[in-house]
Amino acid sequence: MVEKQVEIMNETGLHARPAAMFAKAAGKFKSSVTVVCDGRKANAKSILGIISLGAAKGKIVTITTEGEDEAEAATTLVQLMMDFKE
């Protein structure tokens, strides 16, 4: 299991478009991927799950990956989250 934290830098947080991009990227990995924000947990492969977290700019989210490609998944998804700067 790999667990990494990242701060939301996007001005509008994880709204629909970044959530969709994140879920699509997470779906490419065999590992299970979860995102936690303020104690709320969501399957990172679910757009609605990610949106339901209400992750606003400045919030710290924890990305947890578990499975055969967990390291690659964690690194890729953290980088993607850092690239969301609209």
PDB file of N, CA and C in Angstrom:
ATOM      1  N   MET A   1       0.852  -1.181   0.000  1.00  0.00           N
ATOM      2  CA  MET A   1       0.000   0.000   0.000  1.00  0.00           C
ATOM      3  C   MET A   1       0.896   1.243   0.000  1.00  0.00           C
ATOM      4  N   VAL A   2       0.531   2.201  -0.820  1.00  0.00           N
ATOM      5  CA  VAL A   2       1.239   3.477  -0.897  1.00  0.00           C
ATOM      6  C   VAL A   2       0.243   4.572  -0.545  1.00  0.00           C
ATOM      7  N   GLU A   3       0.670   5.496   0.313  1.00  0.00           N
ATOM      8  CA  GLU A   3      -0.201   6.597   0.728  1.00  0.00           C
ATOM      9  C   GLU A   3       0.571   7.898   0.573  1.00  0.00           C
ATOM     10  N   LYS A   4      -0.014   8.843  -0.149  1.00  0.00           N
ATOM     11  CA  LYS A   4       0.634  10.141  -0.378  1.00  0.00           C
ATOM     12  C   LYS A   4      -0.369  11.256  -0.157  1.00  0.00           C
ATOM     13  N   GLN A   5       0.127  12.376   0.324  1.00  0.00           N
ATOM     14  CA  GLN A   5      -0.727  13.545   0.522  1.00  0.00           C
ATOM     15  C   GLN A   5      -0.340  14.632  -0.468  1.00  0.00           C
ATOM     16  N   VAL A   6      -1.357  15.379  -0.882  1.00  0.00           N
ATOM     17  CA  VAL A   6      -1.133  16.467  -1.822  1.00  0.00           C
ATOM     18  C   VAL A   6      -2.148  17.576  -1.528  1.00  0.00           C
ATOM     19  N   GLU A   7      -1.705  18.813  -1.710  1.00  0.00           N
ATOM     20  CA  GLU A   7      -2.597  19.962  -1.504  1.00  0.00           C
ATOM     21  C   GLU A   7      -3.296  20.301  -2.816  1.00  0.00           C
ATOM     22  N   ILE A   8      -4.591  20.591  -2.732  1.00  0.00           N
ATOM     23  CA  ILE A   8      -5.362  21.002  -3.907  1.00  0.00           C
ATOM     24  C   ILE A   8      -4.944  22.424  -4.279  1.00  0.00           C
ATOM     25  N   MET A   9      -4.434  22.587  -5.489  1.00  0.00           N
ATOM     26  CA  MET A   9      -3.959  23.892  -5.946  1.00  0.00           C
ATOM     27  C   MET A   9      -4.925  24.562  -6.919  1.00  0.00           C
ATOM     28  N   ASN A  10      -5.841  23.801  -7.481  1.00  0.00           N
ATOM     29  CA  ASN A  10      -6.796  24.326  -8.452  1.00  0.00           C
ATOM     30  C   ASN A  10      -7.714  25.340  -7.763  1.00  0.00           C
ATOM     31  N   GLU A  11      -7.907  26.485  -8.369  1.00  0.00           N
ATOM     32  CA  GLU A  11      -8.740  27.554  -7.795  1.00  0.00           C
ATOM     33  C   GLU A  11     -10.144  27.094  -7.431  1.00  0.00           C
ATOM     34  N   THR A  12     -10.707  26.201  -8.222  1.00  0.00           N
ATOM     35  CA  THR A  12     -12.080  25.759  -7.974  1.00  0.00           C
ATOM     36  C   THR A  12     -12.141  24.378  -7.326  1.00  0.00           C
ATOM     37  N   GLY A  13     -11.017  23.867  -6.860  1.00  0.00           N
ATOM     38  CA  GLY A  13     -11.003  22.565  -6.200  1.00  0.00           C
ATOM     39  C   GLY A  13     -11.197  21.431  -7.189  1.00  0.00           C
ATOM     40  N   LEU A  14     -11.647  20.303  -6.674  1.00  0.00           N
ATOM     41  CA  LEU A  14     -11.886  19.138  -7.537  1.00  0.00           C
ATOM     42  C   LEU A  14     -13.316  19.150  -8.053  1.00  0.00           C
ATOM     43  N   HIS A  15     -13.597  20.074  -8.935  1.00  0.00           N
ATOM     44  CA  HIS A  15     -14.931  20.154  -9.538  1.00  0.00           C
ATOM     45  C   HIS A  15     -15.025  19.131 -10.672  1.00  0.00           C
ATOM     46  N   ALA A  16     -16.053  19.194 -11.467  1.00  0.00           N
ATOM     47  CA  ALA A  16     -16.383  18.152 -12.444  1.00  0.00           C
ATOM     48  C   ALA A  16     -15.251  17.782 -13.412  1.00  0.00           C
ATOM     49  N   ARG A  17     -14.657  18.741 -14.066  1.00  0.00           N
ATOM     50  CA  ARG A  17     -13.659  18.399 -15.083  1.00  0.00           C
ATOM     51  C   ARG A  17     -12.401  17.774 -14.479  1.00  0.00           C
ATOM     52  N   PRO A  18     -11.795  18.367 -13.440  1.00  0.00           N
ATOM     53  CA  PRO A  18     -10.633  17.697 -12.843  1.00  0.00           C
ATOM     54  C   PRO A  18     -10.996  16.346 -12.221  1.00  0.00           C
ATOM     55  N   ALA A  19     -12.181  16.241 -11.650  1.00  0.00           N
ATOM     56  CA  ALA A  19     -12.615  14.968 -11.065  1.00  0.00           C
ATOM     57  C   ALA A  19     -12.727  13.903 -12.148  1.00  0.00           C
ATOM     58  N   ALA A  20     -13.260  14.273 -13.300  1.00  0.00           N
ATOM     59  CA  ALA A  20     -13.386  13.327 -14.413  1.00  0.00           C
ATOM     60  C   ALA A  20     -12.015  12.901 -14.924  1.00  0.00           C
ATOM     61  N   MET A  21     -11.106  13.843 -15.046  1.00  0.00           N
ATOM     62  CA  MET A  21      -9.755  13.527 -15.507  1.00  0.00           C
ATOM     63  C   MET A  21      -9.041  12.617 -14.507  1.00  0.00           C
ATOM     64  N   PHE A  22      -9.222  12.909 -13.224  1.00  0.00           N
ATOM     65  CA  PHE A  22      -8.581  12.116 -12.181  1.00  0.00           C
ATOM     66  C   PHE A  22      -9.140  10.691 -12.168  1.00  0.00           C
ATOM     67  N   ALA A  23     -10.464  10.568 -12.242  1.00  0.00           N
ATOM     68  CA  ALA A  23     -11.101   9.247 -12.234  1.00  0.00           C
ATOM     69  C   ALA A  23     -10.675   8.433 -13.456  1.00  0.00           C
ATOM     70  N   LYS A  24     -10.579   9.081 -14.601  1.00  0.00           N
ATOM     71  CA  LYS A  24     -10.158   8.393 -15.819  1.00  0.00           C
ATOM     72  C   LYS A  24      -8.717   7.884 -15.668  1.00  0.00           C
ATOM     73  N   ALA A  25      -7.852   8.719 -15.121  1.00  0.00           N
ATOM     74  CA  ALA A  25      -6.456   8.321 -14.914  1.00  0.00           C
ATOM     75  C   ALA A  25      -6.364   7.181 -13.899  1.00  0.00           C
ATOM     76  N   ALA A  26      -7.123   7.274 -12.818  1.00  0.00           N
ATOM     77  CA  ALA A  26      -7.114   6.221 -11.792  1.00  0.00           C
ATOM     78  C   ALA A  26      -7.614   4.903 -12.368  1.00  0.00           C
ATOM     79  N   GLY A  27      -8.578   4.974 -13.267  1.00  0.00           N
ATOM     80  CA  GLY A  27      -9.160   3.785 -13.871  1.00  0.00           C
ATOM     81  C   GLY A  27      -8.204   3.009 -14.752  1.00  0.00           C
ATOM     82  N   LYS A  28      -7.106   3.614 -15.128  1.00  0.00           N
ATOM     83  CA  LYS A  28      -6.127   2.937 -15.980  1.00  0.00           C
ATOM     84  C   LYS A  28      -5.240   1.976 -15.195  1.00  0.00           C
ATOM     85  N   PHE A  29      -5.291   2.075 -13.869  1.00  0.00           N
ATOM     86  CA  PHE A  29      -4.442   1.232 -13.030  1.00  0.00           C
ATOM     87  C   PHE A  29      -5.227   0.048 -12.486  1.00  0.00           C
ATOM     88  N   LYS A  30      -4.534  -1.061 -12.290  1.00  0.00           N
ATOM     89  CA  LYS A  30      -5.148  -2.249 -11.722  1.00  0.00           C
ATOM     90  C   LYS A  30      -5.363  -2.101 -10.224  1.00  0.00           C
ATOM     91  N   SER A  31      -4.546  -1.300  -9.583  1.00  0.00           N
ATOM     92  CA  SER A  31      -4.632  -1.100  -8.134  1.00  0.00           C
ATOM     93  C   SER A  31      -5.929  -0.412  -7.752  1.00  0.00           C
ATOM     94  N   SER A  32      -6.371  -0.664  -6.525  1.00  0.00           N
ATOM     95  CA  SER A  32      -7.491   0.110  -5.997  1.00  0.00           C
ATOM     96  C   SER A  32      -6.924   1.460  -5.566  1.00  0.00           C
ATOM     97  N   VAL A  33      -7.713   2.500  -5.778  1.00  0.00           N
ATOM     98  CA  VAL A  33      -7.264   3.855  -5.460  1.00  0.00           C
ATOM     99  C   VAL A  33      -8.373   4.554  -4.685  1.00  0.00           C
ATOM    100  N   THR A  34      -8.017   5.107  -3.528  1.00  0.00           N
ATOM    101  CA  THR A  34      -8.983   5.876  -2.751  1.00  0.00           C
ATOM    102  C   THR A  34      -8.419   7.266  -2.491  1.00  0.00           C
ATOM    103  N   VAL A  35      -9.334   8.208  -2.303  1.00  0.00           N
ATOM    104  CA  VAL A  35      -8.969   9.584  -1.977  1.00  0.00           C
ATOM    105  C   VAL A  35      -9.724   9.955  -0.705  1.00  0.00           C
ATOM    106  N   VAL A  36      -9.012  10.569   0.241  1.00  0.00           N
ATOM    107  CA  VAL A  36      -9.624  10.988   1.498  1.00  0.00           C
ATOM    108  C   VAL A  36      -9.410  12.489   1.663  1.00  0.00           C
ATOM    109  N   CYS A  37     -10.481  13.188   2.035  1.00  0.00           N
ATOM    110  CA  CYS A  37     -10.417  14.629   2.302  1.00  0.00           C
ATOM    111  C   CYS A  37     -11.323  14.919   3.495  1.00  0.00           C
ATOM    112  N   ASP A  38     -10.772  15.523   4.521  1.00  0.00           N
ATOM    113  CA  ASP A  38     -11.536  15.862   5.730  1.00  0.00           C
ATOM    114  C   ASP A  38     -12.305  14.670   6.294  1.00  0.00           C
ATOM    115  N   GLY A  39     -11.686  13.506   6.281  1.00  0.00           N
ATOM    116  CA  GLY A  39     -12.300  12.318   6.843  1.00  0.00           C
ATOM    117  C   GLY A  39     -13.286  11.608   5.936  1.00  0.00           C
ATOM    118  N   ARG A  40     -13.589  12.193   4.797  1.00  0.00           N
ATOM    119  CA  ARG A  40     -14.492  11.547   3.827  1.00  0.00           C
ATOM    120  C   ARG A  40     -13.643  10.774   2.821  1.00  0.00           C
ATOM    121  N   LYS A  41     -14.075   9.567   2.516  1.00  0.00           N
ATOM    122  CA  LYS A  41     -13.315   8.667   1.652  1.00  0.00           C
ATOM    123  C   LYS A  41     -14.117   8.351   0.394  1.00  0.00           C
ATOM    124  N   ALA A  42     -13.421   8.306  -0.754  1.00  0.00           N
ATOM    125  CA  ALA A  42     -14.097   8.002  -2.018  1.00  0.00           C
ATOM    126  C   ALA A  42     -13.219   7.116  -2.884  1.00  0.00           C
ATOM    127  N   ASN A  43     -13.883   6.303  -3.697  1.00  0.00           N
ATOM    128  CA  ASN A  43     -13.200   5.523  -4.714  1.00  0.00           C
ATOM    129  C   ASN A  43     -12.735   6.509  -5.785  1.00  0.00           C
ATOM    130  N   ALA A  44     -11.437   6.543  -6.041  1.00  0.00           N
ATOM    131  CA  ALA A  44     -10.890   7.513  -6.992  1.00  0.00           C
ATOM    132  C   ALA A  44     -11.257   7.208  -8.434  1.00  0.00           C
ATOM    133  N   LYS A  45     -11.846   6.045  -8.677  1.00  0.00           N
ATOM    134  CA  LYS A  45     -12.260   5.696 -10.031  1.00  0.00           C
ATOM    135  C   LYS A  45     -13.697   6.132 -10.303  1.00  0.00           C
ATOM    136  N   SER A  46     -14.306   6.815  -9.328  1.00  0.00           N
ATOM    137  CA  SER A  46     -15.683   7.290  -9.442  1.00  0.00           C
ATOM    138  C   SER A  46     -15.715   8.816  -9.466  1.00  0.00           C
ATOM    139  N   ILE A  47     -16.180   9.372 -10.573  1.00  0.00           N
ATOM    140  CA  ILE A  47     -16.265  10.831 -10.691  1.00  0.00           C
ATOM    141  C   ILE A  47     -17.142  11.400  -9.583  1.00  0.00           C
ATOM    142  N   LEU A  48     -18.313  10.827  -9.385  1.00  0.00           N
ATOM    143  CA  LEU A  48     -19.222  11.337  -8.351  1.00  0.00           C
ATOM    144  C   LEU A  48     -18.628  11.204  -6.965  1.00  0.00           C
ATOM    145  N   GLY A  49     -17.889  10.123  -6.740  1.00  0.00           N
ATOM    146  CA  GLY A  49     -17.233   9.943  -5.448  1.00  0.00           C
ATOM    147  C   GLY A  49     -16.242  11.059  -5.174  1.00  0.00           C
ATOM    148  N   ILE A  50     -15.455  11.400  -6.171  1.00  0.00           N
ATOM    149  CA  ILE A  50     -14.456  12.463  -6.013  1.00  0.00           C
ATOM    150  C   ILE A  50     -15.144  13.808  -5.788  1.00  0.00           C
ATOM    151  N   ILE A  51     -16.155  14.104  -6.581  1.00  0.00           N
ATOM    152  CA  ILE A  51     -16.876  15.372  -6.430  1.00  0.00           C
ATOM    153  C   ILE A  51     -17.506  15.469  -5.047  1.00  0.00           C
ATOM    154  N   SER A  52     -18.019  14.342  -4.534  1.00  0.00           N
ATOM    155  CA  SER A  52     -18.700  14.344  -3.234  1.00  0.00           C
ATOM    156  C   SER A  52     -17.767  14.676  -2.076  1.00  0.00           C
ATOM    157  N   LEU A  53     -16.468  14.602  -2.288  1.00  0.00           N
ATOM    158  CA  LEU A  53     -15.520  14.952  -1.231  1.00  0.00           C
ATOM    159  C   LEU A  53     -15.533  16.454  -0.933  1.00  0.00           C
ATOM    160  N   GLY A  54     -15.932  17.258  -1.907  1.00  0.00           N
ATOM    161  CA  GLY A  54     -15.945  18.705  -1.713  1.00  0.00           C
ATOM    162  C   GLY A  54     -14.550  19.263  -1.474  1.00  0.00           C
ATOM    163  N   ALA A  55     -13.561  18.720  -2.159  1.00  0.00           N
ATOM    164  CA  ALA A  55     -12.171  19.116  -1.966  1.00  0.00           C
ATOM    165  C   ALA A  55     -11.913  20.481  -2.608  1.00  0.00           C
ATOM    166  N   ALA A  56     -11.821  21.497  -1.777  1.00  0.00           N
ATOM    167  CA  ALA A  56     -11.612  22.873  -2.233  1.00  0.00           C
ATOM    168  C   ALA A  56     -10.123  23.208  -2.255  1.00  0.00           C
ATOM    169  N   LYS A  57      -9.791  24.322  -2.877  1.00  0.00           N
ATOM    170  CA  LYS A  57      -8.406  24.785  -2.938  1.00  0.00           C
ATOM    171  C   LYS A  57      -7.845  24.901  -1.523  1.00  0.00           C
ATOM    172  N   GLY A  58      -6.613  24.420  -1.363  1.00  0.00           N
ATOM    173  CA  GLY A  58      -5.940  24.495  -0.078  1.00  0.00           C
ATOM    174  C   GLY A  58      -6.148  23.275   0.813  1.00  0.00           C
ATOM    175  N   LYS A  59      -7.103  22.431   0.467  1.00  0.00           N
ATOM    176  CA  LYS A  59      -7.341  21.215   1.245  1.00  0.00           C
ATOM    177  C   LYS A  59      -6.238  20.198   0.947  1.00  0.00           C
ATOM    178  N   ILE A  60      -5.920  19.402   1.951  1.00  0.00           N
ATOM    179  CA  ILE A  60      -4.961  18.316   1.784  1.00  0.00           C
ATOM    180  C   ILE A  60      -5.752  17.035   1.563  1.00  0.00           C
ATOM    181  N   VAL A  61      -5.452  16.327   0.487  1.00  0.00           N
ATOM    182  CA  VAL A  61      -6.092  15.043   0.230  1.00  0.00           C
ATOM    183  C   VAL A  61      -5.036  13.952   0.326  1.00  0.00           C
ATOM    184  N   THR A  62      -5.492  12.780   0.755  1.00  0.00           N
ATOM    185  CA  THR A  62      -4.621  11.615   0.837  1.00  0.00           C
ATOM    186  C   THR A  62      -5.038  10.639  -0.256  1.00  0.00           C
ATOM    187  N   ILE A  63      -4.079  10.263  -1.068  1.00  0.00           N
ATOM    188  CA  ILE A  63      -4.309   9.292  -2.135  1.00  0.00           C
ATOM    189  C   ILE A  63      -3.670   7.982  -1.684  1.00  0.00           C
ATOM    190  N   THR A  64      -4.473   6.924  -1.646  1.00  0.00           N
ATOM    191  CA  THR A  64      -3.984   5.612  -1.237  1.00  0.00           C
ATOM    192  C   THR A  64      -4.168   4.638  -2.390  1.00  0.00           C
ATOM    193  N   THR A  65      -3.092   3.940  -2.724  1.00  0.00           N
ATOM    194  CA  THR A  65      -3.152   2.945  -3.785  1.00  0.00           C
ATOM    195  C   THR A  65      -2.746   1.594  -3.203  1.00  0.00           C
ATOM    196  N   GLU A  66      -3.394   0.548  -3.696  1.00  0.00           N
ATOM    197  CA  GLU A  66      -3.058  -0.793  -3.221  1.00  0.00           C
ATOM    198  C   GLU A  66      -3.254  -1.788  -4.357  1.00  0.00           C
ATOM    199  N   GLY A  67      -2.172  -2.492  -4.696  1.00  0.00           N
ATOM    200  CA  GLY A  67      -2.233  -3.478  -5.771  1.00  0.00           C
ATOM    201  C   GLY A  67      -0.907  -3.586  -6.492  1.00  0.00           C
ATOM    202  N   GLU A  68      -0.926  -4.293  -7.601  1.00  0.00           N
ATOM    203  CA  GLU A  68       0.325  -4.616  -8.291  1.00  0.00           C
ATOM    204  C   GLU A  68       1.044  -3.414  -8.903  1.00  0.00           C
ATOM    205  N   ASP A  69       0.329  -2.355  -9.246  1.00  0.00           N
ATOM    206  CA  ASP A  69       0.972  -1.163  -9.822  1.00  0.00           C
ATOM    207  C   ASP A  69       0.794   0.057  -8.914  1.00  0.00           C
ATOM    208  N   GLU A  70       0.754  -0.182  -7.599  1.00  0.00           N
ATOM    209  CA  GLU A  70       0.455   0.871  -6.634  1.00  0.00           C
ATOM    210  C   GLU A  70       1.446   2.033  -6.640  1.00  0.00           C
ATOM    211  N   ALA A  71       2.729   1.748  -6.783  1.00  0.00           N
ATOM    212  CA  ALA A  71       3.726   2.822  -6.764  1.00  0.00           C
ATOM    213  C   ALA A  71       3.559   3.745  -7.970  1.00  0.00           C
ATOM    214  N   GLU A  72       3.414   3.151  -9.137  1.00  0.00           N
ATOM    215  CA  GLU A  72       3.232   3.948 -10.350  1.00  0.00           C
ATOM    216  C   GLU A  72       1.928   4.749 -10.280  1.00  0.00           C
ATOM    217  N   ALA A  73       0.872   4.110  -9.788  1.00  0.00           N
ATOM    218  CA  ALA A  73      -0.421   4.782  -9.673  1.00  0.00           C
ATOM    219  C   ALA A  73      -0.320   5.991  -8.742  1.00  0.00           C
ATOM    220  N   ALA A  74       0.295   5.803  -7.586  1.00  0.00           N
ATOM    221  CA  ALA A  74       0.412   6.897  -6.615  1.00  0.00           C
ATOM    222  C   ALA A  74       1.201   8.065  -7.196  1.00  0.00           C
ATOM    223  N   THR A  75       2.326   7.769  -7.796  1.00  0.00           N
ATOM    224  CA  THR A  75       3.170   8.823  -8.377  1.00  0.00           C
ATOM    225  C   THR A  75       2.433   9.572  -9.481  1.00  0.00           C
ATOM    226  N   THR A  76       1.796   8.848 -10.369  1.00  0.00           N
ATOM    227  CA  THR A  76       1.088   9.454 -11.494  1.00  0.00           C
ATOM    228  C   THR A  76      -0.072  10.322 -11.008  1.00  0.00           C
ATOM    229  N   LEU A  77      -0.847   9.825 -10.057  1.00  0.00           N
ATOM    230  CA  LEU A  77      -2.040  10.548  -9.601  1.00  0.00           C
ATOM    231  C   LEU A  77      -1.687  11.772  -8.763  1.00  0.00           C
ATOM    232  N   VAL A  78      -0.626  11.688  -7.985  1.00  0.00           N
ATOM    233  CA  VAL A  78      -0.177  12.871  -7.234  1.00  0.00           C
ATOM    234  C   VAL A  78       0.285  13.949  -8.208  1.00  0.00           C
ATOM    235  N   GLN A  79       1.042  13.559  -9.222  1.00  0.00           N
ATOM    236  CA  GLN A  79       1.504  14.530 -10.219  1.00  0.00           C
ATOM    237  C   GLN A  79       0.329  15.154 -10.952  1.00  0.00           C
ATOM    238  N   LEU A  80      -0.645  14.349 -11.308  1.00  0.00           N
ATOM    239  CA  LEU A  80      -1.833  14.873 -11.985  1.00  0.00           C
ATOM    240  C   LEU A  80      -2.551  15.888 -11.102  1.00  0.00           C
ATOM    241  N   MET A  81      -2.689  15.570  -9.821  1.00  0.00           N
ATOM    242  CA  MET A  81      -3.354  16.474  -8.883  1.00  0.00           C
ATOM    243  C   MET A  81      -2.593  17.803  -8.795  1.00  0.00           C
ATOM    244  N   MET A  82      -1.268  17.731  -8.809  1.00  0.00           N
ATOM    245  CA  MET A  82      -0.458  18.949  -8.736  1.00  0.00           C
ATOM    246  C   MET A  82      -0.551  19.763 -10.025  1.00  0.00           C
ATOM    247  N   ASP A  83      -0.869  19.117 -11.133  1.00  0.00           N
ATOM    248  CA  ASP A  83      -0.968  19.812 -12.426  1.00  0.00           C
ATOM    249  C   ASP A  83      -2.301  20.552 -12.599  1.00  0.00           C
ATOM    250  N   PHE A  84      -3.295  20.282 -11.734  1.00  0.00           N
ATOM    251  CA  PHE A  84      -4.594  20.961 -11.834  1.00  0.00           C
ATOM    252  C   PHE A  84      -4.446  22.373 -11.282  1.00  0.00           C
ATOM    253  N   LYS A  85      -4.150  23.331 -12.148  1.00  0.00           N
ATOM    254  CA  LYS A  85      -3.989  24.728 -11.716  1.00  0.00           C
ATOM    255  C   LYS A  85      -4.699  25.642 -12.686  1.00  0.00           C
ATOM    256  N   GLU A  86      -6.003  25.591 -12.682  1.00  0.00           N
ATOM    257  CA  GLU A  86      -6.774  26.417 -13.627  1.00  0.00           C
ATOM    258  C   GLU A  86      -6.835  27.843 -13.167  1.00  0.00           C
TER     259      GLU A  86
END
